[in-house]
Amino acid sequence: MTPVMLMMALKEFLVKELADDAATIPAVHLGALPSKTAATRDDPVFPLIIIRPMEGDSDKDESRAQVKLLFGTQSEDDSGFIDVLNLMERVRILLMRQRIIDKKFRIEPDWKWKFLEDQPEPQWICQAVTTWTLPQIRQEVIL
């Protein structure tokens, strides 16, 4: 199971789970923000979540992948940093309650987050690094 499949499953999970939320529903993107076109140039960018691969490794027992989640919100008042932290915490709670997504990918309990020191106000950005266990590849050819 590739990291791309993990990212797609994670996006599908977040879109589905956050759609039922009473708060503003964030756009979820893979890798980066999509390019603006004439048709989308006026579409709102925030709130957002970007799912970005970082690194991975595997051994004879298991494969792991680190995925960075970037969270962004926009606020015109002084409490904007609270909005982005709340969005991140909503996602953390959803993932930790579920633990396994798409019946294949398991999130490890360690959740590392960082609030970026230089903020592009009125936008607010923070990030979390997650570690996932991927299904093991099984040898199919017997010598």
C-alpha atoms as a PDB file:
ATOM      1  CA  MET A   1       0.000   0.000   0.000  1.00  0.00           C
ATOM      2  CA  THR A   2       1.603   3.205  -1.121  1.00  0.00           C
ATOM      3  CA  PRO A   3       1.811   6.497   0.754  1.00  0.00           C
ATOM      4  CA  VAL A   4      -0.357   7.980  -2.016  1.00  0.00           C
ATOM      5  CA  MET A   5      -3.143   5.547  -1.136  1.00  0.00           C
ATOM      6  CA  LEU A   6      -2.767   6.581   2.515  1.00  0.00           C
ATOM      7  CA  MET A   7      -3.053  10.265   1.603  1.00  0.00           C
ATOM      8  CA  MET A   8      -6.135   9.659  -0.533  1.00  0.00           C
ATOM      9  CA  ALA A   9      -7.784   7.605   2.222  1.00  0.00           C
ATOM     10  CA  LEU A  10      -6.930  10.297   4.766  1.00  0.00           C
ATOM     11  CA  LYS A  11      -8.454  12.998   2.554  1.00  0.00           C
ATOM     12  CA  GLU A  12     -11.625  10.955   2.041  1.00  0.00           C
ATOM     13  CA  PHE A  13     -11.888  10.317   5.792  1.00  0.00           C
ATOM     14  CA  LEU A  14     -11.447  13.989   6.713  1.00  0.00           C
ATOM     15  CA  VAL A  15     -13.870  15.270   4.075  1.00  0.00           C
ATOM     16  CA  LYS A  16     -16.521  12.804   5.257  1.00  0.00           C
ATOM     17  CA  GLU A  17     -16.007  13.314   8.990  1.00  0.00           C
ATOM     18  CA  LEU A  18     -15.708  17.100   8.907  1.00  0.00           C
ATOM     19  CA  ALA A  19     -18.789  17.468   6.682  1.00  0.00           C
ATOM     20  CA  ASP A  20     -20.974  16.604   9.683  1.00  0.00           C
ATOM     21  CA  ASP A  21     -19.321  19.225  11.850  1.00  0.00           C
ATOM     22  CA  ALA A  22     -21.252  22.325  12.865  1.00  0.00           C
ATOM     23  CA  ALA A  23     -18.191  24.558  12.404  1.00  0.00           C
ATOM     24  CA  THR A  24     -16.947  25.835   9.055  1.00  0.00           C
ATOM     25  CA  ILE A  25     -15.961  22.933   6.825  1.00  0.00           C
ATOM     26  CA  PRO A  26     -12.330  23.135   5.674  1.00  0.00           C
ATOM     27  CA  ALA A  27     -11.187  22.324   2.162  1.00  0.00           C
ATOM     28  CA  VAL A  28      -8.851  19.305   2.158  1.00  0.00           C
ATOM     29  CA  HIS A  29      -6.004  19.221  -0.375  1.00  0.00           C
ATOM     30  CA  LEU A  30      -3.270  16.728  -1.231  1.00  0.00           C
ATOM     31  CA  GLY A  31       0.281  18.076  -1.299  1.00  0.00           C
ATOM     32  CA  ALA A  32      -0.394  21.791  -1.766  1.00  0.00           C
ATOM     33  CA  LEU A  33      -3.050  24.331  -2.606  1.00  0.00           C
ATOM     34  CA  PRO A  34      -4.509  23.812  -6.073  1.00  0.00           C
ATOM     35  CA  SER A  35      -3.555  26.281  -8.778  1.00  0.00           C
ATOM     36  CA  LYS A  36      -5.938  29.181  -9.215  1.00  0.00           C
ATOM     37  CA  THR A  37      -7.848  29.382 -12.450  1.00  0.00           C
ATOM     38  CA  ALA A  38     -10.119  32.081 -13.827  1.00  0.00           C
ATOM     39  CA  ALA A  39     -13.096  30.076 -12.564  1.00  0.00           C
ATOM     40  CA  THR A  40     -11.683  29.570  -9.035  1.00  0.00           C
ATOM     41  CA  ARG A  41      -9.729  32.764  -8.390  1.00  0.00           C
ATOM     42  CA  ASP A  42     -12.458  34.199  -6.147  1.00  0.00           C
ATOM     43  CA  ASP A  43     -13.101  30.970  -4.222  1.00  0.00           C
ATOM     44  CA  PRO A  44     -12.228  31.180  -0.516  1.00  0.00           C
ATOM     45  CA  VAL A  45      -8.974  29.466   0.447  1.00  0.00           C
ATOM     46  CA  PHE A  46      -9.519  29.198   4.217  1.00  0.00           C
ATOM     47  CA  PRO A  47     -10.152  27.160   6.278  1.00  0.00           C
ATOM     48  CA  LEU A  48      -7.996  24.414   4.834  1.00  0.00           C
ATOM     49  CA  ILE A  49      -6.091  21.236   5.540  1.00  0.00           C
ATOM     50  CA  ILE A  50      -3.177  20.161   3.359  1.00  0.00           C
ATOM     51  CA  ILE A  51      -2.042  16.530   3.525  1.00  0.00           C
ATOM     52  CA  ARG A  52       1.641  16.284   2.632  1.00  0.00           C
ATOM     53  CA  PRO A  53       3.959  13.240   2.640  1.00  0.00           C
ATOM     54  CA  MET A  54       7.221  13.634   4.566  1.00  0.00           C
ATOM     55  CA  GLU A  55       9.193  10.422   4.800  1.00  0.00           C
ATOM     56  CA  GLY A  56       8.831   6.708   5.259  1.00  0.00           C
ATOM     57  CA  ASP A  57      10.693   3.545   6.035  1.00  0.00           C
ATOM     58  CA  SER A  58      10.149  -0.179   6.098  1.00  0.00           C
ATOM     59  CA  ASP A  59      11.787  -3.286   7.415  1.00  0.00           C
ATOM     60  CA  LYS A  60      10.930  -6.964   7.332  1.00  0.00           C
ATOM     61  CA  ASP A  61       8.090  -6.467   9.814  1.00  0.00           C
ATOM     62  CA  GLU A  62       6.292  -3.271   8.804  1.00  0.00           C
ATOM     63  CA  SER A  63       6.213  -0.105   6.732  1.00  0.00           C
ATOM     64  CA  ARG A  64       5.690   3.368   8.142  1.00  0.00           C
ATOM     65  CA  ALA A  65       4.998   6.772   6.630  1.00  0.00           C
ATOM     66  CA  GLN A  66       5.078  10.234   8.149  1.00  0.00           C
ATOM     67  CA  VAL A  67       2.432  12.623   6.920  1.00  0.00           C
ATOM     68  CA  LYS A  68       2.351  16.335   7.694  1.00  0.00           C
ATOM     69  CA  LEU A  69      -1.039  17.955   8.132  1.00  0.00           C
ATOM     70  CA  LEU A  70      -1.058  21.724   7.575  1.00  0.00           C
ATOM     71  CA  PHE A  71      -4.024  23.592   9.025  1.00  0.00           C
ATOM     72  CA  GLY A  72      -5.004  27.087   7.996  1.00  0.00           C
ATOM     73  CA  THR A  73      -7.736  29.484   9.053  1.00  0.00           C
ATOM     74  CA  GLN A  74      -8.452  33.152   8.542  1.00  0.00           C
ATOM     75  CA  SER A  75      -9.765  35.546  11.150  1.00  0.00           C
ATOM     76  CA  GLU A  76     -10.187  39.285  11.379  1.00  0.00           C
ATOM     77  CA  ASP A  77      -9.984  39.403  15.184  1.00  0.00           C
ATOM     78  CA  ASP A  78      -7.317  38.724  17.791  1.00  0.00           C
ATOM     79  CA  SER A  79      -8.525  35.206  18.530  1.00  0.00           C
ATOM     80  CA  GLY A  80      -7.595  33.811  15.099  1.00  0.00           C
ATOM     81  CA  PHE A  81      -4.931  31.553  16.552  1.00  0.00           C
ATOM     82  CA  ILE A  82      -7.666  29.775  18.539  1.00  0.00           C
ATOM     83  CA  ASP A  83      -9.529  28.871  15.336  1.00  0.00           C
ATOM     84  CA  VAL A  84      -6.545  27.090  13.794  1.00  0.00           C
ATOM     85  CA  LEU A  85      -5.726  25.255  17.018  1.00  0.00           C
ATOM     86  CA  ASN A  86      -9.363  24.165  17.335  1.00  0.00           C
ATOM     87  CA  LEU A  87      -9.356  22.850  13.753  1.00  0.00           C
ATOM     88  CA  MET A  88      -6.197  20.876  14.437  1.00  0.00           C
ATOM     89  CA  GLU A  89      -7.641  19.459  17.656  1.00  0.00           C
ATOM     90  CA  ARG A  90     -10.882  18.431  15.917  1.00  0.00           C
ATOM     91  CA  VAL A  91      -8.843  16.435  13.405  1.00  0.00           C
ATOM     92  CA  ARG A  92      -6.653  14.890  16.127  1.00  0.00           C
ATOM     93  CA  ILE A  93      -9.723  13.719  18.037  1.00  0.00           C
ATOM     94  CA  LEU A  94     -11.299  12.242  14.887  1.00  0.00           C
ATOM     95  CA  LEU A  95      -8.143  10.334  13.971  1.00  0.00           C
ATOM     96  CA  MET A  96      -7.383   9.099  17.488  1.00  0.00           C
ATOM     97  CA  ARG A  97     -10.944   7.857  17.965  1.00  0.00           C
ATOM     98  CA  GLN A  98     -10.845   5.977  14.663  1.00  0.00           C
ATOM     99  CA  ARG A  99      -7.149   4.894  14.682  1.00  0.00           C
ATOM    100  CA  ILE A 100      -7.535   2.856  11.472  1.00  0.00           C
ATOM    101  CA  ILE A 101      -8.746   4.365   8.224  1.00  0.00           C
ATOM    102  CA  ASP A 102      -9.778   2.549   5.079  1.00  0.00           C
ATOM    103  CA  LYS A 103      -9.307  -0.734   6.998  1.00  0.00           C
ATOM    104  CA  LYS A 104      -5.592  -0.545   6.122  1.00  0.00           C
ATOM    105  CA  PHE A 105      -3.785   2.416   7.635  1.00  0.00           C
ATOM    106  CA  ARG A 106      -3.157   2.760  11.379  1.00  0.00           C
ATOM    107  CA  ILE A 107      -2.135   6.042  12.966  1.00  0.00           C
ATOM    108  CA  GLU A 108       0.436   5.823  15.732  1.00  0.00           C
ATOM    109  CA  PRO A 109      -0.567   7.543  18.991  1.00  0.00           C
ATOM    110  CA  ASP A 110       2.271  10.080  18.913  1.00  0.00           C
ATOM    111  CA  TRP A 111       0.979  13.384  17.544  1.00  0.00           C
ATOM    112  CA  LYS A 112       3.502  16.188  17.177  1.00  0.00           C
ATOM    113  CA  TRP A 113       2.234  19.649  16.405  1.00  0.00           C
ATOM    114  CA  LYS A 114       3.786  23.039  15.936  1.00  0.00           C
ATOM    115  CA  PHE A 115       2.346  26.524  15.842  1.00  0.00           C
ATOM    116  CA  LEU A 116       4.392  28.503  13.356  1.00  0.00           C
ATOM    117  CA  GLU A 117       6.059  31.495  14.966  1.00  0.00           C
ATOM    118  CA  ASP A 118       5.704  33.901  12.038  1.00  0.00           C
ATOM    119  CA  GLN A 119       2.034  34.069  11.121  1.00  0.00           C
ATOM    120  CA  PRO A 120       0.725  35.675   7.909  1.00  0.00           C
ATOM    121  CA  GLU A 121      -2.121  37.464   9.718  1.00  0.00           C
ATOM    122  CA  PRO A 122      -5.055  37.450   9.210  1.00  0.00           C
ATOM    123  CA  GLN A 123      -4.281  33.861   8.214  1.00  0.00           C
ATOM    124  CA  TRP A 124      -3.177  31.420  10.899  1.00  0.00           C
ATOM    125  CA  ILE A 125      -1.180  28.269  10.212  1.00  0.00           C
ATOM    126  CA  CYS A 126      -0.130  25.281  12.316  1.00  0.00           C
ATOM    127  CA  GLN A 127       1.050  21.807  11.487  1.00  0.00           C
ATOM    128  CA  ALA A 128       0.965  18.304  12.883  1.00  0.00           C
ATOM    129  CA  VAL A 129       3.195  15.371  12.021  1.00  0.00           C
ATOM    130  CA  THR A 130       1.547  11.971  12.078  1.00  0.00           C
ATOM    131  CA  THR A 131       3.083   8.527  11.730  1.00  0.00           C
ATOM    132  CA  TRP A 132       1.173   5.728  10.033  1.00  0.00           C
ATOM    133  CA  THR A 133       1.716   1.989   9.792  1.00  0.00           C
ATOM    134  CA  LEU A 134       1.040   0.696   6.295  1.00  0.00           C
ATOM    135  CA  PRO A 135      -0.023  -2.847   5.360  1.00  0.00           C
ATOM    136  CA  GLN A 136       2.936  -5.133   4.882  1.00  0.00           C
ATOM    137  CA  ILE A 137       3.793  -6.334   1.368  1.00  0.00           C
ATOM    138  CA  ARG A 138       3.697 -10.101   1.151  1.00  0.00           C
ATOM    139  CA  GLN A 139       5.951 -12.142  -1.099  1.00  0.00           C
ATOM    140  CA  GLU A 140       3.875 -13.776  -3.837  1.00  0.00           C
ATOM    141  CA  VAL A 141       6.508 -15.770  -5.722  1.00  0.00           C
ATOM    142  CA  ILE A 142       7.902 -18.848  -4.026  1.00  0.00           C
ATOM    143  CA  LEU A 143      11.332 -19.875  -5.255  1.00  0.00           C
END
